[in-house]
Amino acid sequence: MAYQLHDYQNKLVNSARNNLAQGNRSVLLVSPAGSGKSVIIAEIARLATEKNGHVLFMVHRKELIEQITGSFLTNEVQMENTTIMTVGRIVNRLDQLPKPSLIITDETHHSLAKTYRDIYDYYADVPRLGFTASPWRMSGQGFTDVYESMVEGPQVEWLIENNFLAPYKYYSVNLIDGDKLKKSSTGDYTKNSIDDAIGGTIYGDVIQNYRKLADGKQAIVYCHSVDFSKEVAEAFRSEGIAAEHADAKTSKVEREKIMSDFRSGELKVLCNVDLISEGFNVPDCEVVILLRPTESLVLHIQQSMRSMRYKTGKRAIIIDHVANYMKHGLPDTPRKWTLEERERKGNKKTDSDAIPIKQCPQCMSVMLSNISICECGHEFIAEGNMEVEEAELVEITKDFTLQANYIVTKSVDELSTMEELKAYRKAKNYKPGWVYYQAKLKNII
């Protein structure tokens, strides 16, 4: 039986189709993590194939093929009119594949990489849709080279308020007044001091805080390396808590058993590096534990929101031992997405932005730079070691994060709502009249 879409999902489907009908050949669709992106994609594929169109569906990981195939079958997509394949396989078979009438790209924030562009160039006359929860690149690079228009779904806050995502509690360490944070001449904390305070450190005892904040609940743990993930799983087991590690080298049989045990509740803690991030289908959980610092807003959103799938009476718990919230905010922090390029301070790219793809030294395969394990089994060793520092975790609220965020990362020019102006004033300890003055300048009131 085909999916019954929610109103906001139908609205996205109709908006995408209307954009294509109006002559836009490439449309980016933004829908938050957990909002049913695969359902929306399956409905668009069903509508296209029932009219004898051929859909080319592109994924960046082979593990996602089985998941989307299942969604297509459930939604009665005519599978003989679809090609579901990884980007790497597609680019090597362009002259062998049936020409599509529609291209759909999952996790399309990766689509600026050369392999994607080669496919788009080859099928230059074919309309395409791209889906992501977060159209954002660490480099600040925009998406205007690959998409003409953008359609946005509802914000996370709305999805929580309307029972489409679970509410949450977020726990982390308060570093706002930490000794390592240094202020610049403008009053903001300097980037280097934020990196010194956050990067490479795990704050608080992981198992002790699990017992304190989420004892007995099922948790997914995100680590920075395979070896460390295995160590964390062993540490949980040594305390009598059922835990396992899974990665790309874990056999399919073993992985399915781990997922089955997690689904049944026999397994309480599932540790991994990047496996359970973008679109990867795992059983529901109530808790995520973040042990991996990241500069990537995309990764932070995907990992921190993994526990927020809606269930009646559920309240998700997010335990952030690496203070990622200071750089990226909370799951329901308002986001203003754009296709345009973001301003880059100093107009410089980081190494990871300058090289969006990398090559495996073992099998010579080319892949995206954020992949930690090649399909051949080669592991890219993460740089640096994590240190553990004693600290008390506290609940991080939206008001707290607004103040932290605007102290640390924002300039006055970037503020555009009364809520942001009030948070900035409070964080900077400005006089109350400052908000009114700035709001008038910005035509907010």
Protein backbone atom coordinates (compact mmCIF):
# COMPACT_ATOMS: atom_id res chain seq x y z
CA MET A 1 0.00 0.00 0.00
CA ALA A 2 1.36 3.40 -1.01
CA TYR A 3 2.41 5.92 1.64
CA GLN A 4 -0.13 8.40 3.00
CA LEU A 5 1.79 11.67 3.10
CA HIS A 6 1.34 14.41 5.69
CA ASP A 7 0.22 17.81 4.43
CA TYR A 8 3.70 19.35 4.69
CA GLN A 9 5.14 16.41 2.74
CA ASN A 10 2.53 16.76 -0.01
CA LYS A 11 3.30 20.47 -0.13
CA LEU A 12 6.98 19.72 -0.80
CA VAL A 13 6.10 17.20 -3.52
CA ASN A 14 3.77 19.69 -5.23
CA SER A 15 6.25 22.55 -4.89
CA ALA A 16 9.00 20.47 -6.50
CA ARG A 17 6.77 19.46 -9.42
CA ASN A 18 5.53 23.04 -9.89
CA ASN A 19 9.11 24.34 -9.99
CA LEU A 20 9.99 21.87 -12.72
CA ALA A 21 6.80 22.68 -14.62
CA GLN A 22 7.69 26.38 -14.52
CA GLY A 23 10.95 25.71 -16.32
CA ASN A 24 13.43 25.30 -13.46
CA ARG A 25 15.58 22.35 -14.52
CA SER A 26 17.19 21.81 -11.10
CA VAL A 27 15.47 22.19 -7.74
CA LEU A 28 16.94 21.74 -4.24
CA LEU A 29 14.48 20.50 -1.59
CA VAL A 30 15.31 21.10 2.08
CA SER A 31 13.59 18.95 4.70
CA PRO A 32 14.87 18.48 8.28
CA ALA A 33 16.32 15.19 9.52
CA GLY A 34 13.54 12.87 10.62
CA SER A 35 10.84 14.64 8.58
CA GLY A 36 10.28 11.70 6.21
CA LYS A 37 12.52 12.62 3.32
CA SER A 38 12.51 9.06 1.92
CA VAL A 39 8.69 9.11 1.86
CA ILE A 40 8.72 12.34 -0.15
CA ILE A 41 11.32 10.96 -2.55
CA ALA A 42 9.37 7.72 -3.01
CA GLU A 43 6.20 9.64 -3.84
CA ILE A 44 7.95 11.76 -6.47
CA ALA A 45 9.45 8.58 -7.98
CA ARG A 46 6.03 6.90 -8.00
CA LEU A 47 4.43 9.83 -9.83
CA ALA A 48 7.27 9.91 -12.38
CA THR A 49 7.36 6.17 -13.11
CA GLU A 50 3.60 5.73 -13.40
CA LYS A 51 3.84 8.04 -16.41
CA ASN A 52 6.55 5.79 -17.88
CA GLY A 53 9.34 8.14 -16.87
CA HIS A 54 12.68 6.68 -15.81
CA VAL A 55 14.13 7.83 -12.48
CA LEU A 56 17.86 7.80 -11.77
CA PHE A 57 18.32 7.85 -8.00
CA MET A 58 21.83 8.69 -6.79
CA VAL A 59 23.25 7.82 -3.37
CA HIS A 60 26.76 8.31 -2.04
CA ARG A 61 26.92 5.07 0.00
CA LYS A 62 26.06 1.54 -1.01
CA GLU A 63 24.42 0.93 2.40
CA LEU A 64 21.64 3.36 1.43
CA ILE A 65 20.59 1.45 -1.70
CA GLU A 66 18.68 -1.25 0.18
CA GLN A 67 16.90 1.35 2.30
CA ILE A 68 15.60 3.49 -0.58
CA THR A 69 14.73 0.39 -2.61
CA GLY A 70 12.50 -0.72 0.27
CA SER A 71 10.82 2.70 0.36
CA PHE A 72 10.21 2.58 -3.40
CA LEU A 73 8.69 -0.91 -3.20
CA THR A 74 6.43 0.09 -0.30
CA ASN A 75 5.22 3.12 -2.24
CA GLU A 76 4.47 1.06 -5.37
CA VAL A 77 7.13 2.70 -7.54
CA GLN A 78 7.51 0.87 -10.87
CA MET A 79 10.98 -0.51 -10.25
CA GLU A 80 11.62 -1.46 -13.88
CA ASN A 81 11.63 2.30 -14.54
CA THR A 82 14.26 3.13 -11.92
CA THR A 83 18.03 3.01 -11.57
CA ILE A 84 19.26 3.14 -7.96
CA MET A 85 23.02 3.29 -7.74
CA THR A 86 25.98 4.94 -6.00
CA VAL A 87 27.50 8.00 -7.60
CA GLY A 88 30.78 6.15 -8.15
CA ARG A 89 29.10 3.35 -10.10
CA ILE A 90 26.97 5.74 -12.14
CA VAL A 91 29.88 7.89 -13.30
CA ASN A 92 31.66 4.76 -14.61
CA ARG A 93 28.58 3.49 -16.50
CA LEU A 94 27.11 6.61 -18.09
CA ASP A 95 27.15 5.14 -21.59
CA GLN A 96 25.52 1.89 -20.39
CA LEU A 97 22.61 3.14 -18.26
CA PRO A 98 19.12 3.95 -19.60
CA LYS A 99 18.69 7.68 -20.02
CA PRO A 100 16.57 9.05 -17.17
CA SER A 101 13.71 11.52 -17.44
CA LEU A 102 14.35 12.66 -13.86
CA ILE A 103 17.46 12.58 -11.64
CA ILE A 104 17.01 12.52 -7.86
CA THR A 105 20.06 13.04 -5.64
CA ASP A 106 19.99 12.11 -1.97
CA GLU A 107 22.15 14.03 0.56
CA THR A 108 22.79 16.54 -2.19
CA HIS A 109 24.97 18.83 -0.07
CA HIS A 110 27.71 16.56 -1.51
CA SER A 111 26.77 17.40 -5.08
CA LEU A 112 29.44 20.04 -5.65
CA ALA A 113 32.02 17.25 -5.90
CA LYS A 114 33.37 16.50 -9.37
CA THR A 115 31.77 13.04 -9.69
CA TYR A 116 28.29 14.52 -9.27
CA ARG A 117 28.98 17.34 -11.69
CA ASP A 118 30.25 14.91 -14.30
CA ILE A 119 26.91 13.08 -14.14
CA TYR A 120 24.91 16.30 -14.25
CA ASP A 121 26.93 17.51 -17.25
CA TYR A 122 26.41 14.20 -19.08
CA TYR A 123 22.64 14.48 -18.54
CA ALA A 124 22.54 18.24 -19.02
CA ASP A 125 19.07 18.15 -20.57
CA VAL A 126 17.51 16.02 -17.79
CA PRO A 127 15.65 17.80 -14.94
CA ARG A 128 16.86 16.97 -11.46
CA LEU A 129 15.82 17.23 -7.83
CA GLY A 130 18.19 17.20 -4.88
CA PHE A 131 17.31 16.48 -1.24
CA THR A 132 19.12 17.48 1.93
CA ALA A 133 18.39 18.41 5.53
CA SER A 134 21.12 21.04 5.43
CA PRO A 135 22.35 22.80 2.26
CA TRP A 136 25.63 23.86 3.84
CA ARG A 137 29.31 23.46 3.04
CA MET A 138 32.21 24.09 5.43
CA SER A 139 33.82 26.23 2.74
CA GLY A 140 30.82 28.54 2.50
CA GLN A 141 30.48 27.57 -1.17
CA GLY A 142 26.96 28.01 -2.53
CA PHE A 143 24.85 25.70 -4.66
CA THR A 144 23.96 28.02 -7.54
CA ASP A 145 26.27 26.06 -9.86
CA VAL A 146 24.07 22.95 -9.57
CA TYR A 147 20.59 24.23 -8.57
CA GLU A 148 18.40 27.00 -9.95
CA SER A 149 15.81 27.15 -7.18
CA MET A 150 15.19 25.94 -3.62
CA VAL A 151 12.06 24.72 -1.83
CA GLU A 152 12.07 24.55 1.98
CA GLY A 153 10.01 22.36 4.27
CA PRO A 154 9.03 23.35 7.82
CA GLN A 155 11.58 24.22 10.50
CA VAL A 156 12.47 21.71 13.23
CA GLU A 157 10.67 23.77 15.87
CA TRP A 158 7.39 23.49 13.92
CA LEU A 159 7.84 19.74 13.46
CA ILE A 160 8.32 19.32 17.22
CA GLU A 161 5.33 21.50 18.08
CA ASN A 162 3.11 19.54 15.68
CA ASN A 163 4.24 16.08 16.83
CA PHE A 164 6.28 15.15 13.77
CA LEU A 165 9.57 15.14 15.69
CA ALA A 166 10.13 14.27 19.34
CA PRO A 167 10.95 17.03 21.85
CA TYR A 168 14.39 16.75 23.39
CA LYS A 169 16.67 17.57 26.29
CA TYR A 170 20.22 18.56 25.43
CA TYR A 171 23.10 18.15 27.89
CA SER A 172 26.64 19.44 27.52
CA VAL A 173 29.38 21.37 29.27
CA ASN A 174 29.13 25.11 29.85
CA LEU A 175 32.28 26.60 28.31
CA ILE A 176 31.02 30.16 28.00
CA ASP A 177 33.22 31.35 30.86
CA GLY A 178 35.90 28.69 30.46
CA ASP A 179 39.52 29.62 31.09
CA LYS A 180 40.49 28.68 27.53
CA LEU A 181 38.08 31.14 25.90
CA LYS A 182 39.77 34.45 25.07
CA LYS A 183 38.01 37.60 23.90
CA SER A 184 39.15 39.62 20.91
CA SER A 185 39.11 43.42 20.72
CA THR A 186 35.52 43.28 19.45
CA GLY A 187 34.31 41.47 22.57
CA ASP A 188 33.73 38.16 20.79
CA TYR A 189 35.58 34.98 21.66
CA THR A 190 38.34 34.25 19.17
CA LYS A 191 38.11 31.24 16.88
CA ASN A 192 41.44 29.89 18.08
CA SER A 193 40.33 29.96 21.69
CA ILE A 194 37.09 28.15 20.82
CA ASP A 195 39.13 25.48 19.04
CA ASP A 196 41.46 25.22 22.04
CA ALA A 197 38.51 24.87 24.42
CA ILE A 198 36.53 22.35 22.39
CA GLY A 199 38.62 20.46 19.84
CA GLY A 200 40.12 17.16 20.94
CA THR A 201 38.47 17.04 24.36
CA ILE A 202 35.72 14.84 25.77
CA TYR A 203 34.12 16.53 28.77
CA GLY A 204 32.79 14.37 31.59
CA ASP A 205 32.60 10.65 32.21
CA VAL A 206 30.68 9.04 29.34
CA ILE A 207 29.30 6.03 31.22
CA GLN A 208 28.60 7.93 34.42
CA ASN A 209 26.56 10.51 32.52
CA TYR A 210 24.71 7.82 30.57
CA ARG A 211 23.68 6.25 33.88
CA LYS A 212 22.73 9.64 35.32
CA LEU A 213 20.81 11.03 32.35
CA ALA A 214 19.58 8.03 30.34
CA ASP A 215 20.09 4.83 32.33
CA GLY A 216 18.65 1.79 30.57
CA LYS A 217 17.64 3.71 27.44
CA GLN A 218 18.92 2.77 23.99
CA ALA A 219 21.71 5.01 22.79
CA ILE A 220 23.76 5.57 19.63
CA VAL A 221 27.31 6.80 20.29
CA TYR A 222 29.29 8.78 17.69
CA CYS A 223 33.08 8.49 17.92
CA HIS A 224 36.00 9.97 15.95
CA SER A 225 37.75 6.70 15.01
CA VAL A 226 37.04 2.98 14.75
CA ASP A 227 39.55 2.05 17.44
CA PHE A 228 38.09 4.58 19.85
CA SER A 229 34.54 3.40 19.08
CA LYS A 230 35.55 -0.16 19.94
CA GLU A 231 37.13 1.06 23.19
CA VAL A 232 33.95 2.90 24.15
CA ALA A 233 31.81 -0.19 23.48
CA GLU A 234 34.15 -2.28 25.62
CA ALA A 235 34.01 0.31 28.42
CA PHE A 236 30.20 0.10 28.46
CA ARG A 237 30.33 -3.71 28.51
CA SER A 238 32.80 -3.66 31.42
CA GLU A 239 30.15 -1.78 33.40
CA GLY A 240 27.50 -4.37 32.60
CA ILE A 241 25.81 -2.39 29.80
CA ALA A 242 25.18 -4.31 26.56
CA ALA A 243 27.11 -2.48 23.84
CA GLU A 244 28.51 -3.19 20.38
CA HIS A 245 30.51 -1.40 17.71
CA ALA A 246 29.63 -1.43 13.99
CA ASP A 247 31.48 0.03 11.01
CA ALA A 248 31.72 -0.36 7.23
CA LYS A 249 33.91 -3.45 7.64
CA THR A 250 31.36 -5.20 9.87
CA SER A 251 29.93 -8.10 7.86
CA LYS A 252 26.34 -7.80 6.68
CA VAL A 253 25.31 -10.81 8.78
CA GLU A 254 26.91 -9.42 11.92
CA ARG A 255 25.54 -5.93 11.28
CA GLU A 256 22.01 -7.25 10.81
CA LYS A 257 22.29 -9.15 14.09
CA ILE A 258 23.50 -6.01 15.87
CA MET A 259 20.59 -4.01 14.44
CA SER A 260 18.13 -6.77 15.35
CA ASP A 261 19.43 -6.86 18.92
CA PHE A 262 19.21 -3.08 19.10
CA ARG A 263 15.65 -3.17 17.76
CA SER A 264 14.58 -5.77 20.32
CA GLY A 265 16.15 -3.86 23.19
CA GLU A 266 18.67 -6.60 24.00
CA LEU A 267 21.48 -4.23 22.91
CA LYS A 268 21.46 -0.90 24.74
CA VAL A 269 24.40 1.01 23.24
CA LEU A 270 25.51 1.09 19.59
CA CYS A 271 28.89 2.72 18.91
CA ASN A 272 30.05 3.87 15.46
CA VAL A 273 32.02 6.50 13.56
CA ASP A 274 30.25 7.67 10.38
CA LEU A 275 28.13 4.62 9.61
CA ILE A 276 24.93 5.84 11.28
CA SER A 277 24.75 9.37 9.93
CA GLU A 278 23.48 10.32 6.52
CA GLY A 279 20.26 8.50 5.80
CA PHE A 280 21.42 5.24 7.33
CA ASN A 281 18.47 3.19 8.50
CA VAL A 282 18.73 1.99 12.09
CA PRO A 283 16.10 1.12 14.67
CA ASP A 284 14.68 3.95 16.72
CA CYS A 285 16.61 5.17 19.76
CA GLU A 286 15.97 7.63 22.55
CA VAL A 287 19.53 8.81 23.17
CA VAL A 288 22.52 10.00 21.18
CA ILE A 289 25.93 10.51 22.75
CA LEU A 290 28.32 12.80 20.87
CA LEU A 291 32.02 11.99 21.36
CA ARG A 292 33.21 13.40 18.06
CA PRO A 293 33.94 17.13 17.62
CA THR A 294 32.98 18.35 14.16
CA GLU A 295 33.28 21.56 12.19
CA SER A 296 30.46 20.34 9.94
CA LEU A 297 26.98 21.69 10.64
CA VAL A 298 25.61 18.96 8.35
CA LEU A 299 27.14 16.17 10.42
CA HIS A 300 26.13 17.77 13.71
CA ILE A 301 22.48 18.05 12.65
CA GLN A 302 22.34 14.48 11.35
CA GLN A 303 23.95 12.96 14.42
CA SER A 304 22.36 15.06 17.16
CA MET A 305 18.84 14.55 15.74
CA ARG A 306 19.13 10.77 15.32
CA SER A 307 17.11 10.24 18.51
CA MET A 308 14.27 12.59 17.55
CA ARG A 309 12.07 10.28 15.45
CA TYR A 310 8.57 10.86 16.77
CA LYS A 311 6.84 8.43 19.11
CA THR A 312 3.98 9.24 21.46
CA GLY A 313 5.32 10.25 24.87
CA LYS A 314 8.96 10.17 23.77
CA ARG A 315 11.50 12.80 24.82
CA ALA A 316 14.86 12.47 23.11
CA ILE A 317 18.08 12.90 25.08
CA ILE A 318 21.20 14.34 23.46
CA ILE A 319 24.43 14.11 25.50
CA ASP A 320 27.10 16.28 23.90
CA HIS A 321 30.47 15.52 25.52
CA VAL A 322 32.40 17.62 22.99
CA ALA A 323 30.41 20.89 23.11
CA ASN A 324 29.44 20.81 19.45
CA TYR A 325 26.43 22.99 20.28
CA MET A 326 28.74 25.98 20.77
CA LYS A 327 29.61 26.00 17.09
CA HIS A 328 26.36 24.71 15.64
CA GLY A 329 23.48 25.42 18.03
CA LEU A 330 20.66 23.08 18.99
CA PRO A 331 18.48 20.87 16.75
CA ASP A 332 15.71 23.48 16.63
CA THR A 333 17.94 26.53 16.28
CA PRO A 334 16.33 28.52 13.41
CA ARG A 335 18.27 28.04 10.17
CA LYS A 336 18.27 30.37 7.20
CA TRP A 337 19.25 28.28 4.20
CA THR A 338 20.30 29.74 0.88
CA LEU A 339 21.67 28.63 -2.47
CA GLU A 340 24.07 31.56 -2.38
CA GLU A 341 27.65 31.48 -1.19
CA ARG A 342 28.18 32.29 2.49
CA GLU A 343 30.75 34.86 3.50
CA ARG A 344 34.08 33.28 4.42
CA LYS A 345 36.12 35.20 6.94
CA GLY A 346 39.48 35.93 5.40
CA ASN A 347 38.10 34.43 2.17
CA LYS A 348 40.08 31.24 2.81
CA LYS A 349 39.06 27.62 2.58
CA THR A 350 40.09 24.90 4.95
CA ASP A 351 41.96 21.92 3.55
CA SER A 352 38.81 19.80 3.78
CA ASP A 353 36.93 22.35 1.67
CA ALA A 354 39.66 22.67 -0.93
CA ILE A 355 39.70 18.88 -1.44
CA PRO A 356 36.09 17.61 -1.39
CA ILE A 357 37.17 14.15 -2.57
CA LYS A 358 40.06 11.83 -1.74
CA GLN A 359 41.60 8.63 -3.07
CA CYS A 360 42.03 5.36 -1.23
CA PRO A 361 45.72 4.36 -1.20
CA GLN A 362 44.77 0.66 -1.12
CA CYS A 363 42.29 0.25 -3.98
CA MET A 364 42.66 3.72 -5.60
CA SER A 365 38.89 4.40 -5.40
CA VAL A 366 37.87 8.06 -5.26
CA MET A 367 35.35 9.10 -2.59
CA LEU A 368 34.08 12.09 -0.63
CA SER A 369 36.54 13.47 1.89
CA ASN A 370 34.31 12.80 4.94
CA ILE A 371 34.20 9.02 4.42
CA SER A 372 36.26 7.31 7.14
CA ILE A 373 36.35 3.74 5.73
CA CYS A 374 36.63 2.78 2.07
CA GLU A 375 34.44 0.01 0.64
CA CYS A 376 37.61 -2.09 0.31
CA GLY A 377 38.06 -1.90 4.07
CA HIS A 378 40.87 0.64 4.26
CA GLU A 379 40.45 2.97 7.26
CA PHE A 380 41.55 6.59 7.00
CA ILE A 381 43.22 7.31 10.33
CA ALA A 382 41.78 10.32 12.14
CA GLU A 383 44.33 12.93 13.14
CA GLY A 384 44.89 13.69 16.80
CA ASN A 385 43.81 11.93 19.97
CA MET A 386 40.85 12.68 22.19
CA GLU A 387 41.55 13.75 25.75
CA VAL A 388 39.11 13.30 28.62
CA GLU A 389 38.57 16.18 31.02
CA GLU A 390 36.44 16.09 34.15
CA ALA A 391 33.39 18.31 33.82
CA GLU A 392 29.79 18.52 34.94
CA LEU A 393 27.22 18.38 32.15
CA VAL A 394 24.24 20.73 32.38
CA GLU A 395 21.05 21.08 30.38
CA ILE A 396 21.54 23.41 27.43
CA THR A 397 18.41 25.41 26.60
CA LYS A 398 17.61 27.43 23.51
CA ASP A 399 18.04 30.74 25.38
CA PHE A 400 21.42 29.62 26.70
CA THR A 401 22.54 28.61 23.20
CA LEU A 402 21.36 31.85 21.63
CA GLN A 403 23.52 33.83 24.03
CA ALA A 404 26.51 31.53 23.52
CA ASN A 405 26.12 31.54 19.76
CA TYR A 406 25.92 35.31 19.46
CA ILE A 407 28.85 35.90 21.77
CA VAL A 408 30.99 33.43 19.92
CA THR A 409 30.16 33.61 16.25
CA LYS A 410 27.86 36.46 15.23
CA SER A 411 28.34 40.05 14.15
CA VAL A 412 25.60 42.69 14.40
CA ASP A 413 25.19 42.65 10.61
CA GLU A 414 24.19 38.96 10.76
CA LEU A 415 21.28 39.53 13.18
CA SER A 416 17.88 39.71 11.50
CA THR A 417 15.13 39.00 14.07
CA MET A 418 14.04 40.48 17.40
CA GLU A 419 14.86 37.19 19.11
CA GLU A 420 18.43 37.34 17.81
CA LEU A 421 18.83 41.01 18.77
CA LYS A 422 17.57 40.34 22.32
CA ALA A 423 19.91 37.36 22.73
CA TYR A 424 22.86 39.39 21.46
CA ARG A 425 22.04 42.29 23.79
CA LYS A 426 21.81 39.96 26.77
CA ALA A 427 25.04 38.18 25.83
CA LYS A 428 26.91 41.47 25.38
CA ASN A 429 25.22 43.15 28.39
CA TYR A 430 24.12 46.12 26.26
CA LYS A 431 21.43 48.55 27.42
CA PRO A 432 17.80 47.58 26.59
CA GLY A 433 17.43 50.51 24.16
CA TRP A 434 20.07 48.96 21.89
CA VAL A 435 17.55 46.37 20.66
CA TYR A 436 15.01 49.01 19.62
CA TYR A 437 17.68 51.11 17.88
CA GLN A 438 19.05 48.15 15.89
CA ALA A 439 15.55 46.90 15.03
CA LYS A 440 14.70 50.30 13.53
CA LEU A 441 17.92 50.33 11.50
CA LYS A 442 17.15 46.85 10.14
CA ASN A 443 13.44 47.65 9.46
CA ILE A 444 12.37 44.81 11.76
CA ILE A 445 9.84 47.13 13.44
